[in-house]
C-alpha atoms as a PDB file:
ATOM      1  CA  UNK A   1       0.950-160.938  -2.460  1.00  0.00           C
ATOM      2  CA  UNK A   2      -2.311-161.666  -4.656  1.00  0.00           C
ATOM      3  CA  UNK A   3      -1.601-159.199  -6.974  1.00  0.00           C
ATOM      4  CA  UNK A   4       1.975-160.665  -7.142  1.00  0.00           C
ATOM      5  CA  UNK A   5       1.045-164.328  -8.009  1.00  0.00           C
ATOM      6  CA  UNK A   6      -1.562-163.579 -10.506  1.00  0.00           C
ATOM      7  CA  UNK A   7       1.098-161.756 -12.383  1.00  0.00           C
ATOM      8  CA  UNK A   8       3.783-164.589 -11.766  1.00  0.00           C
ATOM      9  CA  UNK A   9       1.041-166.778 -13.474  1.00  0.00           C
ATOM     10  CA  UNK A  10       0.320-164.759 -16.382  1.00  0.00           C
ATOM     11  CA  UNK A  11       4.348-164.224 -16.792  1.00  0.00           C
ATOM     12  CA  UNK A  12       4.229-167.984 -17.046  1.00  0.00           C
ATOM     13  CA  UNK A  13       1.631-168.480 -19.451  1.00  0.00           C
ATOM     14  CA  UNK A  14       2.688-165.744 -21.959  1.00  0.00           C
ATOM     15  CA  UNK A  15       6.518-165.732 -21.660  1.00  0.00           C
ATOM     16  CA  UNK A  16       8.629-167.184 -24.911  1.00  0.00           C
ATOM     17  CA  UNK A  17       9.576-170.513 -24.744  1.00  0.00           C
ATOM     18  CA  UNK A  18      11.433-171.874 -27.972  1.00  0.00           C
ATOM     19  CA  UNK A  19       8.486-173.323 -30.431  1.00  0.00           C
ATOM     20  CA  UNK A  20       7.047-176.831 -29.173  1.00  0.00           C
ATOM     21  CA  UNK A  21       6.102-178.082 -32.613  1.00  0.00           C
ATOM     22  CA  UNK A  22       8.148-179.939 -35.149  1.00  0.00           C
ATOM     23  CA  UNK A  23       8.890-178.330 -38.400  1.00  0.00           C
ATOM     24  CA  UNK A  24       6.505-179.563 -40.902  1.00  0.00           C
ATOM     25  CA  UNK A  25       7.842-182.097 -43.044  1.00  0.00           C
ATOM     26  CA  UNK A  26       7.411-184.697 -45.166  1.00  0.00           C
ATOM     27  CA  UNK A  27       7.706-186.743 -42.223  1.00  0.00           C
ATOM     28  CA  UNK A  28       5.412-184.731 -39.840  1.00  0.00           C
ATOM     29  CA  UNK A  29       2.815-186.264 -41.917  1.00  0.00           C
ATOM     30  CA  UNK A  30       3.583-189.445 -42.442  1.00  0.00           C
ATOM     31  CA  UNK A  31       3.875-189.863 -38.842  1.00  0.00           C
ATOM     32  CA  UNK A  32       0.604-188.236 -38.560  1.00  0.00           C
ATOM     33  CA  UNK A  33      -1.181-190.265 -40.653  1.00  0.00           C
ATOM     34  CA  UNK A  34       0.406-193.316 -38.894  1.00  0.00           C
ATOM     35  CA  UNK A  35      -0.814-192.151 -35.611  1.00  0.00           C
ATOM     36  CA  UNK A  36      -4.106-191.302 -36.970  1.00  0.00           C
ATOM     37  CA  UNK A  37      -4.443-195.345 -38.272  1.00  0.00           C
ATOM     38  CA  UNK A  38      -3.266-196.647 -34.863  1.00  0.00           C
ATOM     39  CA  UNK A  39      -5.921-194.004 -33.184  1.00  0.00           C
ATOM     40  CA  UNK A  40      -8.341-195.983 -35.115  1.00  0.00           C
ATOM     41  CA  UNK A  41      -7.519-199.818 -34.757  1.00  0.00           C
ATOM     42  CA  UNK A  42      -5.594-199.846 -31.785  1.00  0.00           C
ATOM     43  CA  UNK A  43      -8.721-197.665 -29.856  1.00  0.00           C
ATOM     44  CA  UNK A  44     -10.936-200.858 -31.480  1.00  0.00           C
ATOM     45  CA  UNK A  45      -8.488-203.182 -30.402  1.00  0.00           C
ATOM     46  CA  UNK A  46      -8.944-201.975 -26.438  1.00  0.00           C
ATOM     47  CA  UNK A  47     -12.388-201.334 -26.940  1.00  0.00           C
ATOM     48  CA  UNK A  48     -13.454-204.269 -28.457  1.00  0.00           C
ATOM     49  CA  UNK A  49     -11.190-207.224 -28.892  1.00  0.00           C
ATOM     50  CA  UNK A  50      -9.731-206.988 -25.041  1.00  0.00           C
ATOM     51  CA  UNK A  51     -13.002-205.824 -24.101  1.00  0.00           C
ATOM     52  CA  UNK A  52     -12.471-202.863 -21.590  1.00  0.00           C
ATOM     53  CA  UNK A  53     -15.345-200.822 -22.781  1.00  0.00           C
ATOM     54  CA  UNK A  54     -15.938-198.049 -20.936  1.00  0.00           C
ATOM     55  CA  UNK A  55     -12.370-198.263 -18.850  1.00  0.00           C
ATOM     56  CA  UNK A  56     -10.836-197.736 -22.183  1.00  0.00           C
ATOM     57  CA  UNK A  57     -11.736-194.386 -22.460  1.00  0.00           C
ATOM     58  CA  UNK A  58     -10.661-193.212 -18.739  1.00  0.00           C
ATOM     59  CA  UNK A  59      -7.293-195.357 -18.820  1.00  0.00           C
ATOM     60  CA  UNK A  60      -6.130-193.691 -22.140  1.00  0.00           C
ATOM     61  CA  UNK A  61      -7.879-190.363 -20.847  1.00  0.00           C
ATOM     62  CA  UNK A  62      -5.945-190.780 -17.610  1.00  0.00           C
ATOM     63  CA  UNK A  63      -2.277-191.407 -19.947  1.00  0.00           C
ATOM     64  CA  UNK A  64      -3.394-188.709 -22.444  1.00  0.00           C
ATOM     65  CA  UNK A  65      -3.299-186.303 -19.554  1.00  0.00           C
ATOM     66  CA  UNK A  66       0.167-187.163 -18.311  1.00  0.00           C
ATOM     67  CA  UNK A  67       1.569-187.155 -21.391  1.00  0.00           C
ATOM     68  CA  UNK A  68       0.305-183.606 -21.991  1.00  0.00           C
ATOM     69  CA  UNK A  69       1.213-182.270 -18.376  1.00  0.00           C
ATOM     70  CA  UNK A  70       4.539-183.407 -19.305  1.00  0.00           C
ATOM     71  CA  UNK A  71       4.726-182.541 -23.410  1.00  0.00           C
ATOM     72  CA  UNK A  72       3.670-178.685 -21.787  1.00  0.00           C
ATOM     73  CA  UNK A  73       5.956-178.908 -19.053  1.00  0.00           C
ATOM     74  CA  UNK A  74       8.980-178.919 -21.781  1.00  0.00           C
ATOM     75  CA  UNK A  75      11.259-175.630 -22.745  1.00  0.00           C
ATOM     76  CA  UNK A  76      11.302-177.283 -26.043  1.00  0.00           C
ATOM     77  CA  UNK A  77      10.433-179.747 -28.455  1.00  0.00           C
ATOM     78  CA  UNK A  78      11.471-183.229 -27.910  1.00  0.00           C
ATOM     79  CA  UNK A  79      10.378-185.743 -30.598  1.00  0.00           C
ATOM     80  CA  UNK A  80       9.436-188.496 -28.843  1.00  0.00           C
ATOM     81  CA  UNK A  81       7.810-186.343 -25.911  1.00  0.00           C
ATOM     82  CA  UNK A  82       5.274-184.751 -28.696  1.00  0.00           C
ATOM     83  CA  UNK A  83       4.705-187.701 -30.727  1.00  0.00           C
ATOM     84  CA  UNK A  84       3.653-189.398 -28.007  1.00  0.00           C
ATOM     85  CA  UNK A  85       1.010-187.316 -27.157  1.00  0.00           C
ATOM     86  CA  UNK A  86      -0.155-187.064 -30.466  1.00  0.00           C
ATOM     87  CA  UNK A  87      -0.562-190.870 -30.453  1.00  0.00           C
ATOM     88  CA  UNK A  88      -2.869-190.624 -27.132  1.00  0.00           C
ATOM     89  CA  UNK A  89      -4.905-188.353 -28.283  1.00  0.00           C
ATOM     90  CA  UNK A  90      -5.602-189.591 -31.290  1.00  0.00           C
ATOM     91  CA  UNK A  91      -6.638-192.753 -29.476  1.00  0.00           C
ATOM     92  CA  UNK A  92      -8.728-190.607 -26.961  1.00  0.00           C
ATOM     93  CA  UNK A  93     -10.644-188.702 -30.010  1.00  0.00           C
ATOM     94  CA  UNK A  94     -11.481-191.444 -31.361  1.00  0.00           C
ATOM     95  CA  UNK A  95     -12.359-193.251 -28.094  1.00  0.00           C
ATOM     96  CA  UNK A  96     -14.842-190.087 -27.270  1.00  0.00           C
ATOM     97  CA  UNK A  97     -16.709-189.889 -30.802  1.00  0.00           C
ATOM     98  CA  UNK A  98     -17.144-193.709 -30.340  1.00  0.00           C
ATOM     99  CA  UNK A  99     -18.364-193.408 -27.035  1.00  0.00           C
ATOM    100  CA  UNK A 100     -21.123-191.003 -27.660  1.00  0.00           C
ATOM    101  CA  UNK A 101     -21.917-192.962 -30.820  1.00  0.00           C
ATOM    102  CA  UNK A 102     -22.009-196.474 -29.589  1.00  0.00           C
ATOM    103  CA  UNK A 103     -23.034-195.902 -26.061  1.00  0.00           C
ATOM    104  CA  UNK A 104     -25.530-193.017 -26.289  1.00  0.00           C
ATOM    105  CA  UNK A 105     -26.711-193.693 -29.813  1.00  0.00           C
ATOM    106  CA  UNK A 106     -25.591-189.974 -30.767  1.00  0.00           C
ATOM    107  CA  UNK A 107     -25.812-190.129 -34.327  1.00  0.00           C
ATOM    108  CA  UNK A 108     -22.692-189.566 -36.892  1.00  0.00           C
ATOM    109  CA  UNK A 109     -24.376-186.941 -38.235  1.00  0.00           C
ATOM    110  CA  UNK A 110     -24.938-185.202 -35.064  1.00  0.00           C
ATOM    111  CA  UNK A 111     -21.235-185.780 -33.606  1.00  0.00           C
ATOM    112  CA  UNK A 112     -19.770-184.750 -36.705  1.00  0.00           C
ATOM    113  CA  UNK A 113     -21.366-181.388 -36.575  1.00  0.00           C
ATOM    114  CA  UNK A 114     -21.070-180.806 -33.000  1.00  0.00           C
ATOM    115  CA  UNK A 115     -17.358-181.641 -33.348  1.00  0.00           C
ATOM    116  CA  UNK A 116     -16.890-178.691 -36.236  1.00  0.00           C
ATOM    117  CA  UNK A 117     -18.927-175.991 -34.156  1.00  0.00           C
ATOM    118  CA  UNK A 118     -16.870-177.088 -30.984  1.00  0.00           C
ATOM    119  CA  UNK A 119     -13.296-177.233 -33.315  1.00  0.00           C
ATOM    120  CA  UNK A 120     -14.599-173.666 -34.842  1.00  0.00           C
ATOM    121  CA  UNK A 121     -14.997-172.123 -31.458  1.00  0.00           C
ATOM    122  CA  UNK A 122     -11.168-173.336 -30.694  1.00  0.00           C
ATOM    123  CA  UNK A 123      -9.870-171.441 -33.531  1.00  0.00           C
ATOM    124  CA  UNK A 124     -11.996-168.100 -33.470  1.00  0.00           C
ATOM    125  CA  UNK A 125     -11.207-168.142 -29.177  1.00  0.00           C
ATOM    126  CA  UNK A 126      -7.431-169.167 -30.164  1.00  0.00           C
ATOM    127  CA  UNK A 127      -7.364-165.905 -33.382  1.00  0.00           C
ATOM    128  CA  UNK A 128      -9.070-163.601 -30.970  1.00  0.00           C
ATOM    129  CA  UNK A 129      -6.799-164.357 -28.199  1.00  0.00           C
ATOM    130  CA  UNK A 130      -3.344-164.498 -30.057  1.00  0.00           C
ATOM    131  CA  UNK A 131      -4.004-163.188 -33.489  1.00  0.00           C
ATOM    132  CA  UNK A 132      -2.525-165.795 -35.101  1.00  0.00           C
ATOM    133  CA  UNK A 133      -3.212-170.110 -35.614  1.00  0.00           C
ATOM    134  CA  UNK A 134       0.000-170.666 -37.048  1.00  0.00           C
ATOM    135  CA  UNK A 135       1.872-173.515 -35.459  1.00  0.00           C
ATOM    136  CA  UNK A 136       4.890-171.471 -35.977  1.00  0.00           C
ATOM    137  CA  UNK A 137       4.639-169.067 -33.011  1.00  0.00           C
ATOM    138  CA  UNK A 138       3.923-172.217 -30.235  1.00  0.00           C
ATOM    139  CA  UNK A 139       6.009-170.359 -27.497  1.00  0.00           C
ATOM    140  CA  UNK A 140       3.632-169.806 -25.014  1.00  0.00           C
ATOM    141  CA  UNK A 141       1.786-172.004 -22.750  1.00  0.00           C
ATOM    142  CA  UNK A 142      -1.088-170.694 -23.067  1.00  0.00           C
ATOM    143  CA  UNK A 143      -0.296-171.014 -27.299  1.00  0.00           C
ATOM    144  CA  UNK A 144       0.082-174.673 -26.557  1.00  0.00           C
ATOM    145  CA  UNK A 145      -3.244-175.273 -24.880  1.00  0.00           C
ATOM    146  CA  UNK A 146      -4.222-173.723 -27.604  1.00  0.00           C
ATOM    147  CA  UNK A 147      -2.762-175.688 -29.610  1.00  0.00           C
ATOM    148  CA  UNK A 148      -3.161-178.815 -28.194  1.00  0.00           C
ATOM    149  CA  UNK A 149      -7.258-178.244 -27.607  1.00  0.00           C
ATOM    150  CA  UNK A 150      -7.343-177.918 -31.206  1.00  0.00           C
ATOM    151  CA  UNK A 151      -5.664-181.316 -31.867  1.00  0.00           C
ATOM    152  CA  UNK A 152      -7.978-183.136 -29.676  1.00  0.00           C
ATOM    153  CA  UNK A 153     -10.894-181.953 -31.709  1.00  0.00           C
ATOM    154  CA  UNK A 154      -9.585-182.378 -35.149  1.00  0.00           C
ATOM    155  CA  UNK A 155      -9.091-185.966 -33.707  1.00  0.00           C
ATOM    156  CA  UNK A 156     -12.820-186.850 -32.552  1.00  0.00           C
ATOM    157  CA  UNK A 157     -14.068-184.472 -35.414  1.00  0.00           C
ATOM    158  CA  UNK A 158     -11.911-186.888 -38.320  1.00  0.00           C
ATOM    159  CA  UNK A 159     -13.392-189.836 -36.438  1.00  0.00           C
ATOM    160  CA  UNK A 160     -17.147-188.684 -36.698  1.00  0.00           C
ATOM    161  CA  UNK A 161     -16.934-188.089 -40.515  1.00  0.00           C
ATOM    162  CA  UNK A 162     -14.318-190.628 -41.368  1.00  0.00           C
ATOM    163  CA  UNK A 163     -17.043-193.088 -39.949  1.00  0.00           C
ATOM    164  CA  UNK A 164     -19.798-190.969 -41.393  1.00  0.00           C
ATOM    165  CA  UNK A 165     -18.617-191.191 -45.124  1.00  0.00           C
ATOM    166  CA  UNK A 166     -17.442-195.044 -44.714  1.00  0.00           C
ATOM    167  CA  UNK A 167     -20.027-196.649 -42.975  1.00  0.00           C
ATOM    168  CA  UNK A 168     -23.514-194.290 -43.174  1.00  0.00           C
ATOM    169  CA  UNK A 169     -22.813-193.592 -46.361  1.00  0.00           C
ATOM    170  CA  UNK A 170     -21.844-196.855 -47.604  1.00  0.00           C
ATOM    171  CA  UNK A 171     -18.852-195.565 -49.202  1.00  0.00           C
ATOM    172  CA  UNK A 172     -16.545-198.251 -48.075  1.00  0.00           C
ATOM    173  CA  UNK A 173     -12.983-198.287 -46.661  1.00  0.00           C
ATOM    174  CA  UNK A 174     -10.999-198.549 -49.822  1.00  0.00           C
ATOM    175  CA  UNK A 175     -13.003-195.673 -51.766  1.00  0.00           C
ATOM    176  CA  UNK A 176     -13.239-193.501 -48.524  1.00  0.00           C
ATOM    177  CA  UNK A 177      -9.267-193.585 -48.583  1.00  0.00           C
ATOM    178  CA  UNK A 178      -8.770-193.177 -51.773  1.00  0.00           C
ATOM    179  CA  UNK A 179     -11.342-189.718 -51.589  1.00  0.00           C
ATOM    180  CA  UNK A 180      -9.941-188.527 -48.663  1.00  0.00           C
ATOM    181  CA  UNK A 181      -6.152-188.944 -49.948  1.00  0.00           C
ATOM    182  CA  UNK A 182      -7.773-186.750 -52.840  1.00  0.00           C
ATOM    183  CA  UNK A 183      -9.076-183.987 -50.816  1.00  0.00           C
ATOM    184  CA  UNK A 184      -5.240-183.803 -49.010  1.00  0.00           C
ATOM    185  CA  UNK A 185      -4.152-184.347 -52.910  1.00  0.00           C
ATOM    186  CA  UNK A 186      -6.540-181.018 -53.705  1.00  0.00           C
ATOM    187  CA  UNK A 187      -5.234-178.675 -50.342  1.00  0.00           C
ATOM    188  CA  UNK A 188      -1.248-179.427 -51.337  1.00  0.00           C
ATOM    189  CA  UNK A 189      -1.751-178.129 -54.655  1.00  0.00           C
ATOM    190  CA  UNK A 190      -4.217-174.963 -53.770  1.00  0.00           C
ATOM    191  CA  UNK A 191      -1.332-174.392 -51.759  1.00  0.00           C
ATOM    192  CA  UNK A 192       1.693-174.608 -53.616  1.00  0.00           C
ATOM    193  CA  UNK A 193      -0.045-174.359 -56.837  1.00  0.00           C
ATOM    194  CA  UNK A 194      -2.432-171.348 -55.877  1.00  0.00           C
ATOM    195  CA  UNK A 195      -0.825-169.723 -52.786  1.00  0.00           C
ATOM    196  CA  UNK A 196      -3.633-170.471 -50.505  1.00  0.00           C
ATOM    197  CA  UNK A 197      -3.125-169.265 -47.271  1.00  0.00           C
ATOM    198  CA  UNK A 198      -0.525-171.638 -45.342  1.00  0.00           C
ATOM    199  CA  UNK A 199      -2.245-171.882 -42.178  1.00  0.00           C
ATOM    200  CA  UNK A 200      -5.428-172.191 -43.668  1.00  0.00           C
ATOM    201  CA  UNK A 201      -4.230-174.976 -45.890  1.00  0.00           C
ATOM    202  CA  UNK A 202      -2.179-176.820 -42.726  1.00  0.00           C
ATOM    203  CA  UNK A 203      -5.061-176.789 -40.642  1.00  0.00           C
ATOM    204  CA  UNK A 204      -7.406-178.554 -43.333  1.00  0.00           C
ATOM    205  CA  UNK A 205      -5.079-181.106 -44.162  1.00  0.00           C
ATOM    206  CA  UNK A 206      -4.788-181.787 -40.419  1.00  0.00           C
ATOM    207  CA  UNK A 207      -8.049-182.242 -39.883  1.00  0.00           C
ATOM    208  CA  UNK A 208      -8.651-184.679 -43.580  1.00  0.00           C
ATOM    209  CA  UNK A 209      -5.489-187.065 -42.261  1.00  0.00           C
ATOM    210  CA  UNK A 210      -7.620-188.042 -39.729  1.00  0.00           C
ATOM    211  CA  UNK A 211     -10.180-190.123 -41.342  1.00  0.00           C
ATOM    212  CA  UNK A 212      -7.834-190.825 -44.256  1.00  0.00           C
ATOM    213  CA  UNK A 213      -5.579-192.605 -41.367  1.00  0.00           C
ATOM    214  CA  UNK A 214      -9.057-194.408 -40.066  1.00  0.00           C
ATOM    215  CA  UNK A 215      -9.962-195.101 -43.484  1.00  0.00           C
ATOM    216  CA  UNK A 216      -6.231-197.217 -43.708  1.00  0.00           C
ATOM    217  CA  UNK A 217      -6.973-198.970 -40.244  1.00  0.00           C
ATOM    218  CA  UNK A 218     -10.509-200.223 -40.973  1.00  0.00           C
ATOM    219  CA  UNK A 219      -9.263-200.891 -44.978  1.00  0.00           C
ATOM    220  CA  UNK A 220      -6.721-203.236 -43.470  1.00  0.00           C
ATOM    221  CA  UNK A 221      -7.931-204.124 -39.938  1.00  0.00           C
ATOM    222  CA  UNK A 222     -11.296-205.265 -40.837  1.00  0.00           C
ATOM    223  CA  UNK A 223     -12.596-208.074 -42.227  1.00  0.00           C
ATOM    224  CA  UNK A 224     -12.617-209.028 -45.564  1.00  0.00           C
ATOM    225  CA  UNK A 225     -16.683-209.540 -45.836  1.00  0.00           C
ATOM    226  CA  UNK A 226     -16.594-206.134 -44.376  1.00  0.00           C
ATOM    227  CA  UNK A 227     -14.491-204.666 -47.358  1.00  0.00           C
ATOM    228  CA  UNK A 228     -11.358-204.881 -45.079  1.00  0.00           C
ATOM    229  CA  UNK A 229      -7.690-207.010 -46.006  1.00  0.00           C
ATOM    230  CA  UNK A 230      -8.514-208.601 -42.939  1.00  0.00           C
ATOM    231  CA  UNK A 231      -5.402-207.848 -41.015  1.00  0.00           C
ATOM    232  CA  UNK A 232      -7.227-207.499 -37.241  1.00  0.00           C
ATOM    233  CA  UNK A 233      -6.749-204.323 -34.991  1.00  0.00           C
ATOM    234  CA  UNK A 234      -3.837-205.898 -33.272  1.00  0.00           C
ATOM    235  CA  UNK A 235      -1.468-206.598 -35.621  1.00  0.00           C
ATOM    236  CA  UNK A 236      -2.065-203.571 -37.841  1.00  0.00           C
ATOM    237  CA  UNK A 237      -1.839-201.322 -34.414  1.00  0.00           C
ATOM    238  CA  UNK A 238       1.428-203.440 -34.110  1.00  0.00           C
ATOM    239  CA  UNK A 239       2.687-202.745 -37.389  1.00  0.00           C
ATOM    240  CA  UNK A 240       2.118-198.972 -37.290  1.00  0.00           C
ATOM    241  CA  UNK A 241       3.587-198.596 -33.848  1.00  0.00           C
ATOM    242  CA  UNK A 242       6.661-199.823 -34.926  1.00  0.00           C
ATOM    243  CA  UNK A 243       6.628-197.579 -38.019  1.00  0.00           C
ATOM    244  CA  UNK A 244       5.765-194.904 -35.644  1.00  0.00           C
ATOM    245  CA  UNK A 245       8.934-195.661 -33.085  1.00  0.00           C
ATOM    246  CA  UNK A 246      11.279-196.264 -36.216  1.00  0.00           C
ATOM    247  CA  UNK A 247      10.541-192.801 -37.415  1.00  0.00           C
ATOM    248  CA  UNK A 248      10.788-190.959 -34.270  1.00  0.00           C
ATOM    249  CA  UNK A 249      14.222-192.510 -33.538  1.00  0.00           C
ATOM    250  CA  UNK A 250      15.453-191.161 -36.959  1.00  0.00           C
ATOM    251  CA  UNK A 251      14.015-187.615 -36.480  1.00  0.00           C
ATOM    252  CA  UNK A 252      15.735-188.030 -32.609  1.00  0.00           C
ATOM    253  CA  UNK A 253      19.045-189.012 -34.349  1.00  0.00           C
ATOM    254  CA  UNK A 254      19.112-187.019 -37.492  1.00  0.00           C
ATOM    255  CA  UNK A 255      16.939-183.582 -35.913  1.00  0.00           C
ATOM    256  CA  UNK A 256      15.613-182.800 -39.061  1.00  0.00           C
ATOM    257  CA  UNK A 257      12.182-181.914 -37.477  1.00  0.00           C
ATOM    258  CA  UNK A 258      13.865-179.356 -35.008  1.00  0.00           C
ATOM    259  CA  UNK A 259      12.335-175.928 -35.404  1.00  0.00           C
ATOM    260  CA  UNK A 260      14.466-173.980 -37.731  1.00  0.00           C
ATOM    261  CA  UNK A 261      16.955-176.962 -38.016  1.00  0.00           C
ATOM    262  CA  UNK A 262      19.557-175.928 -40.861  1.00  0.00           C
ATOM    263  CA  UNK A 263      20.256-178.674 -43.107  1.00  0.00           C
ATOM    264  CA  UNK A 264      24.035-179.768 -43.259  1.00  0.00           C
ATOM    265  CA  UNK A 265      25.459-178.821 -39.795  1.00  0.00           C
ATOM    266  CA  UNK A 266      22.842-180.378 -37.887  1.00  0.00           C
ATOM    267  CA  UNK A 267      21.927-178.171 -35.389  1.00  0.00           C
ATOM    268  CA  UNK A 268      18.810-175.889 -35.013  1.00  0.00           C
ATOM    269  CA  UNK A 269      18.633-171.889 -35.460  1.00  0.00           C
ATOM    270  CA  UNK A 270      17.729-170.117 -32.156  1.00  0.00           C
ATOM    271  CA  UNK A 271      15.655-167.366 -33.322  1.00  0.00           C
ATOM    272  CA  UNK A 272      14.802-164.338 -31.691  1.00  0.00           C
ATOM    273  CA  UNK A 273      11.422-164.530 -30.901  1.00  0.00           C
ATOM    274  CA  UNK A 274       8.748-161.218 -30.864  1.00  0.00           C
ATOM    275  CA  UNK A 275       6.831-160.858 -27.646  1.00  0.00           C
ATOM    276  CA  UNK A 276       3.450-162.129 -27.864  1.00  0.00           C
ATOM    277  CA  UNK A 277       1.810-159.094 -28.049  1.00  0.00           C
ATOM    278  CA  UNK A 278       3.674-158.225 -31.218  1.00  0.00           C
ATOM    279  CA  UNK A 279       3.126-161.641 -32.546  1.00  0.00           C
ATOM    280  CA  UNK A 280       1.251-161.790 -36.023  1.00  0.00           C
END
């Protein structure tokens, strides 16, 4: 009976599903940057402006776990479920870094180094087990678990690296924004113009969009005396959350981000997926 239970659990972790990640389109990157901006400003709003302090991390952490449970329980990509999980992970990743820096006094250089190593280990184990890091092959529970773990640490790393550049190195929010946007442009040129490995290019861009979004959020929300535009964390968060909502509603209606979507007939292409053992 024990052997049968173990076999059943293994089958559940590895059995194929429809790909659980949206098509990588312009909408994907726009919403991703909006989510990272909200991650920065809404974390500050809850933690500082509303004065929740330590309780913010616990509250958002519980919501993040709940969102991931729902996401992992689905058998296909569902835009609202997926993007709610991304928004909450963005806020949670920011809070983890802020907790280490503000409450425990860990230097930004150290948190940046730690999260770099942890993210590299996640990618190493993921590739060692699955032999691929491609987001076009997220169709088993185990691969999706690796995917979300990587997402969490990209947000934590991006927060630490962004704060390190903007604040510790005194580059400023606007200059940091320009810097990170330039890095992403270089990655895009390398991918489309020089045929750089698409999986590596995707993850490099994904990591850098976090400090880019944080720089956008800080530039809009921080006081003018600190180099920002003074909109405040509440207004900035509200504006960007509305933008995310509008885009997700658009995607739900048009289905243009569905995996394998065929433009013109409004329906997703159902692909024959390879067995996990023979995947790339």
